[in-house]
PDB file of N, CA and C in Angstrom:
ATOM      1  N   UNK A   1     116.377  58.028  94.169  1.00  0.00           N
ATOM      2  CA  UNK A   1     116.417  58.872  93.012  1.00  0.00           C
ATOM      3  C   UNK A   1     116.417  60.321  93.486  1.00  0.00           C
ATOM      4  N   UNK A   2     117.283  61.121  92.960  1.00  0.00           N
ATOM      5  CA  UNK A   2     117.398  62.534  93.326  1.00  0.00           C
ATOM      6  C   UNK A   2     116.799  63.391  92.226  1.00  0.00           C
ATOM      7  N   UNK A   3     116.231  64.503  92.665  1.00  0.00           N
ATOM      8  CA  UNK A   3     115.698  65.459  91.700  1.00  0.00           C
ATOM      9  C   UNK A   3     116.461  66.757  91.838  1.00  0.00           C
ATOM     10  N   UNK A   4     116.603  67.428  90.750  1.00  0.00           N
ATOM     11  CA  UNK A   4     117.262  68.721  90.745  1.00  0.00           C
ATOM     12  C   UNK A   4     116.335  69.717  90.061  1.00  0.00           C
ATOM     13  N   UNK A   5     116.035  70.794  90.763  1.00  0.00           N
ATOM     14  CA  UNK A   5     115.183  71.837  90.203  1.00  0.00           C
ATOM     15  C   UNK A   5     116.070  73.012  89.854  1.00  0.00           C
ATOM     16  N   UNK A   6     115.943  73.467  88.643  1.00  0.00           N
ATOM     17  CA  UNK A   6     116.773  74.577  88.186  1.00  0.00           C
ATOM     18  C   UNK A   6     115.853  75.710  87.753  1.00  0.00           C
ATOM     19  N   UNK A   7     116.106  76.896  88.280  1.00  0.00           N
ATOM     20  CA  UNK A   7     115.336  78.077  87.901  1.00  0.00           C
ATOM     21  C   UNK A   7     116.208  78.910  86.984  1.00  0.00           C
ATOM     22  N   UNK A   8     115.690  79.158  85.806  1.00  0.00           N
ATOM     23  CA  UNK A   8     116.435  79.948  84.825  1.00  0.00           C
ATOM     24  C   UNK A   8     115.684  81.255  84.624  1.00  0.00           C
ATOM     25  N   UNK A   9     116.350  82.352  84.928  1.00  0.00           N
ATOM     26  CA  UNK A   9     115.739  83.669  84.739  1.00  0.00           C
ATOM     27  C   UNK A   9     115.922  84.114  83.302  1.00  0.00           C
ATOM     28  N   UNK A  10     114.834  84.636  82.734  1.00  0.00           N
ATOM     29  CA  UNK A  10     114.896  85.178  81.382  1.00  0.00           C
ATOM     30  C   UNK A  10     114.686  86.677  81.448  1.00  0.00           C
ATOM     31  N   UNK A  11     115.433  87.397  80.653  1.00  0.00           N
ATOM     32  CA  UNK A  11     115.308  88.852  80.567  1.00  0.00           C
ATOM     33  C   UNK A  11     113.886  89.180  80.122  1.00  0.00           C
ATOM     34  N   UNK A  12     113.182  89.963  80.945  1.00  0.00           N
ATOM     35  CA  UNK A  12     111.790  90.292  80.642  1.00  0.00           C
ATOM     36  C   UNK A  12     111.640  91.218  79.440  1.00  0.00           C
ATOM     37  N   UNK A  13     112.714  91.868  79.019  1.00  0.00           N
ATOM     38  CA  UNK A  13     112.639  92.746  77.847  1.00  0.00           C
ATOM     39  C   UNK A  13     112.990  92.020  76.553  1.00  0.00           C
ATOM     40  N   UNK A  14     114.040  91.235  76.603  1.00  0.00           N
ATOM     41  CA  UNK A  14     114.562  90.651  75.369  1.00  0.00           C
ATOM     42  C   UNK A  14     114.420  89.137  75.279  1.00  0.00           C
ATOM     43  N   UNK A  15     114.074  88.479  76.378  1.00  0.00           N
ATOM     44  CA  UNK A  15     113.887  87.041  76.338  1.00  0.00           C
ATOM     45  C   UNK A  15     115.137  86.204  76.509  1.00  0.00           C
ATOM     46  N   UNK A  16     116.311  86.807  76.492  1.00  0.00           N
ATOM     47  CA  UNK A  16     117.554  86.062  76.699  1.00  0.00           C
ATOM     48  C   UNK A  16     117.779  85.788  78.171  1.00  0.00           C
ATOM     49  N   UNK A  17     118.958  85.290  78.515  1.00  0.00           N
ATOM     50  CA  UNK A  17     119.264  85.014  79.920  1.00  0.00           C
ATOM     51  C   UNK A  17     119.291  86.297  80.758  1.00  0.00           C
ATOM     52  N   UNK A  18     118.715  86.207  81.954  1.00  0.00           N
ATOM     53  CA  UNK A  18     118.737  87.341  82.888  1.00  0.00           C
ATOM     54  C   UNK A  18     119.783  87.061  83.958  1.00  0.00           C
ATOM     55  N   UNK A  19     120.460  88.114  84.389  1.00  0.00           N
ATOM     56  CA  UNK A  19     121.504  87.981  85.402  1.00  0.00           C
ATOM     57  C   UNK A  19     121.043  88.414  86.788  1.00  0.00           C
ATOM     58  N   UNK A  20     119.989  89.224  86.843  1.00  0.00           N
ATOM     59  CA  UNK A  20     119.547  89.741  88.139  1.00  0.00           C
ATOM     60  C   UNK A  20     118.092  90.165  88.085  1.00  0.00           C
ATOM     61  N   UNK A  21     117.514  90.271  89.261  1.00  0.00           N
ATOM     62  CA  UNK A  21     116.161  90.802  89.412  1.00  0.00           C
ATOM     63  C   UNK A  21     116.302  92.200  89.993  1.00  0.00           C
ATOM     64  N   UNK A  22     115.749  93.181  89.300  1.00  0.00           N
ATOM     65  CA  UNK A  22     115.842  94.579  89.721  1.00  0.00           C
ATOM     66  C   UNK A  22     114.484  94.994  90.281  1.00  0.00           C
ATOM     67  N   UNK A  23     114.507  95.643  91.429  1.00  0.00           N
ATOM     68  CA  UNK A  23     113.287  96.163  92.038  1.00  0.00           C
ATOM     69  C   UNK A  23     113.279  97.674  91.905  1.00  0.00           C
ATOM     70  N   UNK A  24     112.104  98.229  91.622  1.00  0.00           N
ATOM     71  CA  UNK A  24     111.974  99.680  91.564  1.00  0.00           C
ATOM     72  C   UNK A  24     110.527 100.046  91.843  1.00  0.00           C
ATOM     73  N   UNK A  25     110.292 101.323  92.127  1.00  0.00           N
ATOM     74  CA  UNK A  25     108.947 101.784  92.423  1.00  0.00           C
ATOM     75  C   UNK A  25     108.588 102.990  91.586  1.00  0.00           C
ATOM     76  N   UNK A  26     107.301 103.121  91.284  1.00  0.00           N
ATOM     77  CA  UNK A  26     106.804 104.263  90.522  1.00  0.00           C
ATOM     78  C   UNK A  26     105.335 104.459  90.859  1.00  0.00           C
ATOM     79  N   UNK A  27     104.964 105.683  91.164  1.00  0.00           N
ATOM     80  CA  UNK A  27     103.571 106.030  91.455  1.00  0.00           C
ATOM     81  C   UNK A  27     102.949 105.148  92.544  1.00  0.00           C
ATOM     82  N   UNK A  28     103.729 104.881  93.577  1.00  0.00           N
ATOM     83  CA  UNK A  28     103.215 104.122  94.707  1.00  0.00           C
ATOM     84  C   UNK A  28     103.178 102.617  94.510  1.00  0.00           C
ATOM     85  N   UNK A  29     103.658 102.138  93.392  1.00  0.00           N
ATOM     86  CA  UNK A  29     103.677 100.699  93.129  1.00  0.00           C
ATOM     87  C   UNK A  29     105.105 100.201  93.064  1.00  0.00           C
ATOM     88  N   UNK A  30     105.321  98.995  93.543  1.00  0.00           N
ATOM     89  CA  UNK A  30     106.636  98.368  93.514  1.00  0.00           C
ATOM     90  C   UNK A  30     106.664  97.337  92.393  1.00  0.00           C
ATOM     91  N   UNK A  31     107.786  97.284  91.675  1.00  0.00           N
ATOM     92  CA  UNK A  31     107.935  96.371  90.550  1.00  0.00           C
ATOM     93  C   UNK A  31     109.215  95.569  90.698  1.00  0.00           C
ATOM     94  N   UNK A  32     109.218  94.392  90.091  1.00  0.00           N
ATOM     95  CA  UNK A  32     110.409  93.561  89.944  1.00  0.00           C
ATOM     96  C   UNK A  32     110.511  93.192  88.479  1.00  0.00           C
ATOM     97  N   UNK A  33     111.714  93.201  87.961  1.00  0.00           N
ATOM     98  CA  UNK A  33     111.928  92.818  86.572  1.00  0.00           C
ATOM     99  C   UNK A  33     113.243  92.051  86.482  1.00  0.00           C
ATOM    100  N   UNK A  34     113.222  90.955  85.750  1.00  0.00           N
ATOM    101  CA  UNK A  34     114.431  90.160  85.533  1.00  0.00           C
ATOM    102  C   UNK A  34     115.129  90.700  84.294  1.00  0.00           C
ATOM    103  N   UNK A  35     116.410  91.048  84.449  1.00  0.00           N
ATOM    104  CA  UNK A  35     117.147  91.690  83.360  1.00  0.00           C
ATOM    105  C   UNK A  35     118.556  91.137  83.239  1.00  0.00           C
ATOM    106  N   UNK A  36     119.082  91.257  82.036  1.00  0.00           N
ATOM    107  CA  UNK A  36     120.507  90.985  81.831  1.00  0.00           C
ATOM    108  C   UNK A  36     121.287  92.115  82.489  1.00  0.00           C
ATOM    109  N   UNK A  37     122.564  91.928  82.679  1.00  0.00           N
ATOM    110  CA  UNK A  37     123.400  92.968  83.276  1.00  0.00           C
ATOM    111  C   UNK A  37     123.333  94.248  82.454  1.00  0.00           C
ATOM    112  N   UNK A  38     123.355  94.121  81.130  1.00  0.00           N
ATOM    113  CA  UNK A  38     123.318  95.298  80.251  1.00  0.00           C
ATOM    114  C   UNK A  38     121.994  96.044  80.388  1.00  0.00           C
ATOM    115  N   UNK A  39     120.872  95.315  80.405  1.00  0.00           N
ATOM    116  CA  UNK A  39     119.574  95.981  80.528  1.00  0.00           C
ATOM    117  C   UNK A  39     119.354  96.554  81.926  1.00  0.00           C
ATOM    118  N   UNK A  40     119.884  95.898  82.944  1.00  0.00           N
ATOM    119  CA  UNK A  40     119.787  96.440  84.301  1.00  0.00           C
ATOM    120  C   UNK A  40     120.535  97.763  84.380  1.00  0.00           C
ATOM    121  N   UNK A  41     121.696  97.836  83.741  1.00  0.00           N
ATOM    122  CA  UNK A  41     122.464  99.083  83.733  1.00  0.00           C
ATOM    123  C   UNK A  41     121.727 100.164  82.952  1.00  0.00           C
ATOM    124  N   UNK A  42     121.075  99.795  81.841  1.00  0.00           N
ATOM    125  CA  UNK A  42     120.289 100.775  81.067  1.00  0.00           C
ATOM    126  C   UNK A  42     119.160 101.349  81.927  1.00  0.00           C
ATOM    127  N   UNK A  43     118.486 100.486  82.673  1.00  0.00           N
ATOM    128  CA  UNK A  43     117.405 100.954  83.541  1.00  0.00           C
ATOM    129  C   UNK A  43     117.949 101.889  84.615  1.00  0.00           C
ATOM    130  N   UNK A  44     119.026 101.489  85.258  1.00  0.00           N
ATOM    131  CA  UNK A  44     119.617 102.341  86.302  1.00  0.00           C
ATOM    132  C   UNK A  44     120.082 103.674  85.728  1.00  0.00           C
ATOM    133  N   UNK A  45     120.676 103.638  84.553  1.00  0.00           N
ATOM    134  CA  UNK A  45     121.152 104.865  83.902  1.00  0.00           C
ATOM    135  C   UNK A  45     119.977 105.782  83.569  1.00  0.00           C
ATOM    136  N   UNK A  46     118.873 105.209  83.098  1.00  0.00           N
ATOM    137  CA  UNK A  46     117.693 106.011  82.759  1.00  0.00           C
ATOM    138  C   UNK A  46     117.081 106.651  84.009  1.00  0.00           C
ATOM    139  N   UNK A  47     117.097 105.938  85.123  1.00  0.00           N
ATOM    140  CA  UNK A  47     116.483 106.449  86.355  1.00  0.00           C
ATOM    141  C   UNK A  47     117.403 107.337  87.181  1.00  0.00           C
ATOM    142  N   UNK A  48     118.711 107.247  86.939  1.00  0.00           N
ATOM    143  CA  UNK A  48     119.697 107.962  87.753  1.00  0.00           C
ATOM    144  C   UNK A  48     119.412 109.465  87.871  1.00  0.00           C
ATOM    145  N   UNK A  49     119.142 110.216  86.779  1.00  0.00           N
ATOM    146  CA  UNK A  49     118.903 111.657  86.949  1.00  0.00           C
ATOM    147  C   UNK A  49     117.647 111.959  87.772  1.00  0.00           C
ATOM    148  N   UNK A  50     116.631 111.112  87.650  1.00  0.00           N
ATOM    149  CA  UNK A  50     115.407 111.332  88.418  1.00  0.00           C
ATOM    150  C   UNK A  50     115.640 111.031  89.898  1.00  0.00           C
ATOM    151  N   UNK A  51     116.382 109.965  90.167  1.00  0.00           N
ATOM    152  CA  UNK A  51     116.694 109.617  91.552  1.00  0.00           C
ATOM    153  C   UNK A  51     117.577 110.686  92.191  1.00  0.00           C
ATOM    154  N   UNK A  52     118.515 111.224  91.422  1.00  0.00           N
ATOM    155  CA  UNK A  52     119.414 112.253  91.946  1.00  0.00           C
ATOM    156  C   UNK A  52     118.658 113.540  92.260  1.00  0.00           C
ATOM    157  N   UNK A  53     117.655 113.873  91.452  1.00  0.00           N
ATOM    158  CA  UNK A  53     116.891 115.104  91.662  1.00  0.00           C
ATOM    159  C   UNK A  53     115.796 114.929  92.714  1.00  0.00           C
ATOM    160  N   UNK A  54     115.404 113.704  92.973  1.00  0.00           N
ATOM    161  CA  UNK A  54     114.321 113.443  93.922  1.00  0.00           C
ATOM    162  C   UNK A  54     114.835 113.295  95.335  1.00  0.00           C
ATOM    163  N   UNK A  55     113.964 112.895  96.202  1.00  0.00           N
ATOM    164  CA  UNK A  55     114.321 112.620  97.592  1.00  0.00           C
ATOM    165  C   UNK A  55     113.778 111.240  97.937  1.00  0.00           C
ATOM    166  N   UNK A  56     114.464 110.582  98.837  1.00  0.00           N
ATOM    167  CA  UNK A  56     114.031 109.240  99.237  1.00  0.00           C
ATOM    168  C   UNK A  56     112.736 109.332 100.020  1.00  0.00           C
ATOM    169  N   UNK A  57     111.807 108.501  99.666  1.00  0.00           N
ATOM    170  CA  UNK A  57     110.532 108.458 100.380  1.00  0.00           C
ATOM    171  C   UNK A  57     110.685 107.573 101.608  1.00  0.00           C
ATOM    172  N   UNK A  58     109.931 107.896 102.622  1.00  0.00           N
ATOM    173  CA  UNK A  58     109.914 107.052 103.807  1.00  0.00           C
ATOM    174  C   UNK A  58     109.184 105.767 103.462  1.00  0.00           C
ATOM    175  N   UNK A  59     109.493 104.735 104.213  1.00  0.00           N
ATOM    176  CA  UNK A  59     108.794 103.467 104.020  1.00  0.00           C
ATOM    177  C   UNK A  59     107.343 103.625 104.414  1.00  0.00           C
ATOM    178  N   UNK A  60     106.622 102.554 104.370  1.00  0.00           N
ATOM    179  CA  UNK A  60     105.224 102.589 104.769  1.00  0.00           C
ATOM    180  C   UNK A  60     105.128 103.038 106.216  1.00  0.00           C
ATOM    181  N   UNK A  61     104.039 103.704 106.531  1.00  0.00           N
ATOM    182  CA  UNK A  61     103.876 104.172 107.899  1.00  0.00           C
ATOM    183  C   UNK A  61     103.781 102.971 108.831  1.00  0.00           C
ATOM    184  N   UNK A  62     104.346 103.108 110.021  1.00  0.00           N
ATOM    185  CA  UNK A  62     104.348 101.971 110.941  1.00  0.00           C
ATOM    186  C   UNK A  62     102.932 101.558 111.315  1.00  0.00           C
ATOM    187  N   UNK A  63     102.735 100.290 111.433  1.00  0.00           N
ATOM    188  CA  UNK A  63     101.423  99.783 111.818  1.00  0.00           C
ATOM    189  C   UNK A  63     101.322  99.787 113.333  1.00  0.00           C
ATOM    190  N   UNK A  64     100.153 100.094 113.807  1.00  0.00           N
ATOM    191  CA  UNK A  64      99.942 100.051 115.244  1.00  0.00           C
ATOM    192  C   UNK A  64      99.525  98.640 115.622  1.00  0.00           C
ATOM    193  N   UNK A  65      99.810  98.250 116.830  1.00  0.00           N
ATOM    194  CA  UNK A  65      99.494  96.900 117.270  1.00  0.00           C
ATOM    195  C   UNK A  65      98.118  96.805 117.892  1.00  0.00           C
ATOM    196  N   UNK A  66      97.477  97.915 118.114  1.00  0.00           N
ATOM    197  CA  UNK A  66      96.156  97.892 118.715  1.00  0.00           C
ATOM    198  C   UNK A  66      95.579  99.289 118.738  1.00  0.00           C
ATOM    199  N   UNK A  67      94.407  99.422 119.283  1.00  0.00           N
ATOM    200  CA  UNK A  67      93.805 100.752 119.333  1.00  0.00           C
ATOM    201  C   UNK A  67      94.605 101.679 120.236  1.00  0.00           C
ATOM    202  N   UNK A  68      94.657 102.924 119.845  1.00  0.00           N
ATOM    203  CA  UNK A  68      95.383 103.902 120.651  1.00  0.00           C
ATOM    204  C   UNK A  68      94.550 104.317 121.851  1.00  0.00           C
ATOM    205  N   UNK A  69      95.240 104.683 122.900  1.00  0.00           N
ATOM    206  CA  UNK A  69      94.570 105.123 124.113  1.00  0.00           C
ATOM    207  C   UNK A  69      93.865 106.445 123.864  1.00  0.00           C
ATOM    208  N   UNK A  70      92.722 106.595 124.463  1.00  0.00           N
ATOM    209  CA  UNK A  70      91.968 107.835 124.289  1.00  0.00           C
ATOM    210  C   UNK A  70      92.376 108.890 125.299  1.00  0.00           C
ATOM    211  N   UNK A  71      93.443 108.636 126.041  1.00  0.00           N
ATOM    212  CA  UNK A  71      93.895 109.625 127.009  1.00  0.00           C
ATOM    213  C   UNK A  71      93.466 109.295 128.422  1.00  0.00           C
ATOM    214  N   UNK A  72      92.850 108.155 128.633  1.00  0.00           N
ATOM    215  CA  UNK A  72      92.476 107.753 129.982  1.00  0.00           C
ATOM    216  C   UNK A  72      90.976 107.752 130.180  1.00  0.00           C
ATOM    217  N   UNK A  73      90.560 106.964 131.125  1.00  0.00           N
ATOM    218  CA  UNK A  73      89.159 106.820 131.456  1.00  0.00           C
ATOM    219  C   UNK A  73      88.874 107.714 132.661  1.00  0.00           C
ATOM    220  N   UNK A  74      87.814 108.525 132.614  1.00  0.00           N
ATOM    221  CA  UNK A  74      87.506 109.385 133.763  1.00  0.00           C
ATOM    222  C   UNK A  74      87.297 108.580 135.050  1.00  0.00           C
ATOM    223  N   UNK A  75      86.751 107.369 134.930  1.00  0.00           N
ATOM    224  CA  UNK A  75      86.548 106.539 136.111  1.00  0.00           C
ATOM    225  C   UNK A  75      87.889 106.113 136.713  1.00  0.00           C
ATOM    226  N   UNK A  76      88.880 105.889 135.857  1.00  0.00           N
ATOM    227  CA  UNK A  76      90.207 105.524 136.345  1.00  0.00           C
ATOM    228  C   UNK A  76      90.787 106.649 137.192  1.00  0.00           C
ATOM    229  N   UNK A  77      90.550 107.884 136.786  1.00  0.00           N
ATOM    230  CA  UNK A  77      91.026 109.030 137.571  1.00  0.00           C
ATOM    231  C   UNK A  77      90.364 109.039 138.950  1.00  0.00           C
ATOM    232  N   UNK A  78      89.074 108.700 139.006  1.00  0.00           N
ATOM    233  CA  UNK A  78      88.371 108.635 140.293  1.00  0.00           C
ATOM    234  C   UNK A  78      88.944 107.524 141.168  1.00  0.00           C
ATOM    235  N   UNK A  79      89.244 106.384 140.532  1.00  0.00           N
ATOM    236  CA  UNK A  79      89.808 105.253 141.280  1.00  0.00           C
ATOM    237  C   UNK A  79      91.172 105.629 141.842  1.00  0.00           C
ATOM    238  N   UNK A  80      91.990 106.301 141.044  1.00  0.00           N
ATOM    239  CA  UNK A  80      93.317 106.728 141.517  1.00  0.00           C
ATOM    240  C   UNK A  80      93.189 107.677 142.711  1.00  0.00           C
ATOM    241  N   UNK A  81      92.297 108.655 142.587  1.00  0.00           N
ATOM    242  CA  UNK A  81      92.110 109.622 143.671  1.00  0.00           C
ATOM    243  C   UNK A  81      91.640 108.913 144.942  1.00  0.00           C
ATOM    244  N   UNK A  82      90.679 107.997 144.795  1.00  0.00           N
ATOM    245  CA  UNK A  82      90.189 107.237 145.944  1.00  0.00           C
ATOM    246  C   UNK A  82      91.310 106.409 146.564  1.00  0.00           C
ATOM    247  N   UNK A  83      92.099 105.741 145.716  1.00  0.00           N
ATOM    248  CA  UNK A  83      93.177 104.878 146.204  1.00  0.00           C
ATOM    249  C   UNK A  83      94.205 105.681 146.995  1.00  0.00           C
ATOM    250  N   UNK A  84      94.603 106.835 146.485  1.00  0.00           N
ATOM    251  CA  UNK A  84      95.587 107.670 147.193  1.00  0.00           C
ATOM    252  C   UNK A  84      95.022 108.149 148.533  1.00  0.00           C
ATOM    253  N   UNK A  85      93.751 108.540 148.522  1.00  0.00           N
ATOM    254  CA  UNK A  85      93.093 109.033 149.731  1.00  0.00           C
ATOM    255  C   UNK A  85      92.988 107.940 150.799  1.00  0.00           C
ATOM    256  N   UNK A  86      92.910 106.694 150.332  1.00  0.00           N
ATOM    257  CA  UNK A  86      92.741 105.564 151.247  1.00  0.00           C
ATOM    258  C   UNK A  86      94.022 104.773 151.482  1.00  0.00           C
ATOM    259  N   UNK A  87      95.169 105.387 151.181  1.00  0.00           N
ATOM    260  CA  UNK A  87      96.455 104.805 151.529  1.00  0.00           C
ATOM    261  C   UNK A  87      97.018 103.766 150.564  1.00  0.00           C
ATOM    262  N   UNK A  88      96.425 103.631 149.415  1.00  0.00           N
ATOM    263  CA  UNK A  88      96.970 102.700 148.422  1.00  0.00           C
ATOM    264  C   UNK A  88      98.075 103.393 147.635  1.00  0.00           C
ATOM    265  N   UNK A  89      99.050 102.626 147.255  1.00  0.00           N
ATOM    266  CA  UNK A  89     100.134 103.155 146.429  1.00  0.00           C
ATOM    267  C   UNK A  89      99.740 102.948 144.965  1.00  0.00           C
ATOM    268  N   UNK A  90      99.550 104.041 144.253  1.00  0.00           N
ATOM    269  CA  UNK A  90      99.121 103.957 142.855  1.00  0.00           C
ATOM    270  C   UNK A  90      99.858 105.025 142.052  1.00  0.00           C
ATOM    271  N   UNK A  91     100.292 104.678 140.854  1.00  0.00           N
ATOM    272  CA  UNK A  91     101.022 105.641 140.021  1.00  0.00           C
ATOM    273  C   UNK A  91     100.049 106.594 139.336  1.00  0.00           C
ATOM    274  N   UNK A  92     100.582 107.701 138.852  1.00  0.00           N
ATOM    275  CA  UNK A  92      99.751 108.684 138.162  1.00  0.00           C
ATOM    276  C   UNK A  92      99.415 108.259 136.734  1.00  0.00           C
ATOM    277  N   UNK A  93     100.193 107.330 136.217  1.00  0.00           N
ATOM    278  CA  UNK A  93      99.975 106.862 134.844  1.00  0.00           C
ATOM    279  C   UNK A  93     100.027 105.348 134.814  1.00  0.00           C
ATOM    280  N   UNK A  94      99.543 104.798 133.725  1.00  0.00           N
ATOM    281  CA  UNK A  94      99.606 103.352 133.556  1.00  0.00           C
ATOM    282  C   UNK A  94      98.373 102.660 134.097  1.00  0.00           C
ATOM    283  N   UNK A  95      98.479 101.368 134.137  1.00  0.00           N
ATOM    284  CA  UNK A  95      97.351 100.541 134.531  1.00  0.00           C
ATOM    285  C   UNK A  95      97.174 100.529 136.047  1.00  0.00           C
ATOM    286  N   UNK A  96      95.926 100.586 136.478  1.00  0.00           N
ATOM    287  CA  UNK A  96      95.605 100.486 137.902  1.00  0.00           C
ATOM    288  C   UNK A  96      95.428  99.003 138.216  1.00  0.00           C
ATOM    289  N   UNK A  97      96.102  98.534 139.250  1.00  0.00           N
ATOM    290  CA  UNK A  97      96.061  97.116 139.613  1.00  0.00           C
ATOM    291  C   UNK A  97      94.627  96.690 139.927  1.00  0.00           C
ATOM    292  N   UNK A  98      94.294  95.475 139.533  1.00  0.00           N
ATOM    293  CA  UNK A  98      92.930  94.970 139.708  1.00  0.00           C
ATOM    294  C   UNK A  98      92.505  94.944 141.173  1.00  0.00           C
ATOM    295  N   UNK A  99      93.424  94.652 142.085  1.00  0.00           N
ATOM    296  CA  UNK A  99      93.059  94.606 143.511  1.00  0.00           C
ATOM    297  C   UNK A  99      92.609  95.982 144.001  1.00  0.00           C
ATOM    298  N   UNK A 100      93.197  97.042 143.465  1.00  0.00           N
ATOM    299  CA  UNK A 100      92.785  98.403 143.838  1.00  0.00           C
ATOM    300  C   UNK A 100      91.405  98.692 143.265  1.00  0.00           C
ATOM    301  N   UNK A 101      91.163  98.285 142.030  1.00  0.00           N
ATOM    302  CA  UNK A 101      89.830  98.462 141.427  1.00  0.00           C
ATOM    303  C   UNK A 101      88.777  97.708 142.236  1.00  0.00           C
ATOM    304  N   UNK A 102      89.109  96.471 142.619  1.00  0.00           N
ATOM    305  CA  UNK A 102      88.163  95.668 143.400  1.00  0.00           C
ATOM    306  C   UNK A 102      87.836  96.350 144.724  1.00  0.00           C
ATOM    307  N   UNK A 103      88.857  96.894 145.393  1.00  0.00           N
ATOM    308  CA  UNK A 103      88.642  97.589 146.667  1.00  0.00           C
ATOM    309  C   UNK A 103      87.785  98.834 146.462  1.00  0.00           C
ATOM    310  N   UNK A 104      88.022  99.551 145.382  1.00  0.00           N
ATOM    311  CA  UNK A 104      87.243 100.755 145.074  1.00  0.00           C
ATOM    312  C   UNK A 104      85.767 100.394 144.887  1.00  0.00           C
ATOM    313  N   UNK A 105      85.510  99.379 144.063  1.00  0.00           N
ATOM    314  CA  UNK A 105      84.118  98.997 143.794  1.00  0.00           C
ATOM    315  C   UNK A 105      83.438  98.436 145.046  1.00  0.00           C
ATOM    316  N   UNK A 106      84.187  97.740 145.883  1.00  0.00           N
ATOM    317  CA  UNK A 106      83.624  97.206 147.129  1.00  0.00           C
ATOM    318  C   UNK A 106      83.254  98.338 148.087  1.00  0.00           C
ATOM    319  N   UNK A 107      83.991  99.441 148.031  1.00  0.00           N
ATOM    320  CA  UNK A 107      83.739 100.575 148.927  1.00  0.00           C
ATOM    321  C   UNK A 107      82.580 101.443 148.450  1.00  0.00           C
ATOM    322  N   UNK A 108      82.132 101.275 147.258  1.00  0.00           N
ATOM    323  CA  UNK A 108      81.065 102.123 146.712  1.00  0.00           C
ATOM    324  C   UNK A 108      79.697 101.707 147.180  1.00  0.00           C
TER     325      UNK A 108
END
């Protein structure tokens, strides 16, 4: 036995058949409304002068994936200086390899 599911959109203003779902935003909130073609055009026509006079807002600010760096650890700077002085190859930025940290702590 087969089943068929049919979704029928109704115009949220007038209750008749809706042809499309229109998305819009106002005062920081996003809305969706199901409208007939005629009502969707009325909404677009009503908003057109405001959209033309306004400017597009940027999307939501990008989310960070983790805590931001505080600019480095003072101890890391000491480890780098020690490593360079003792012949280890270490970059001025980025992560210090664990073997270099281990050697530094063993030498203390």
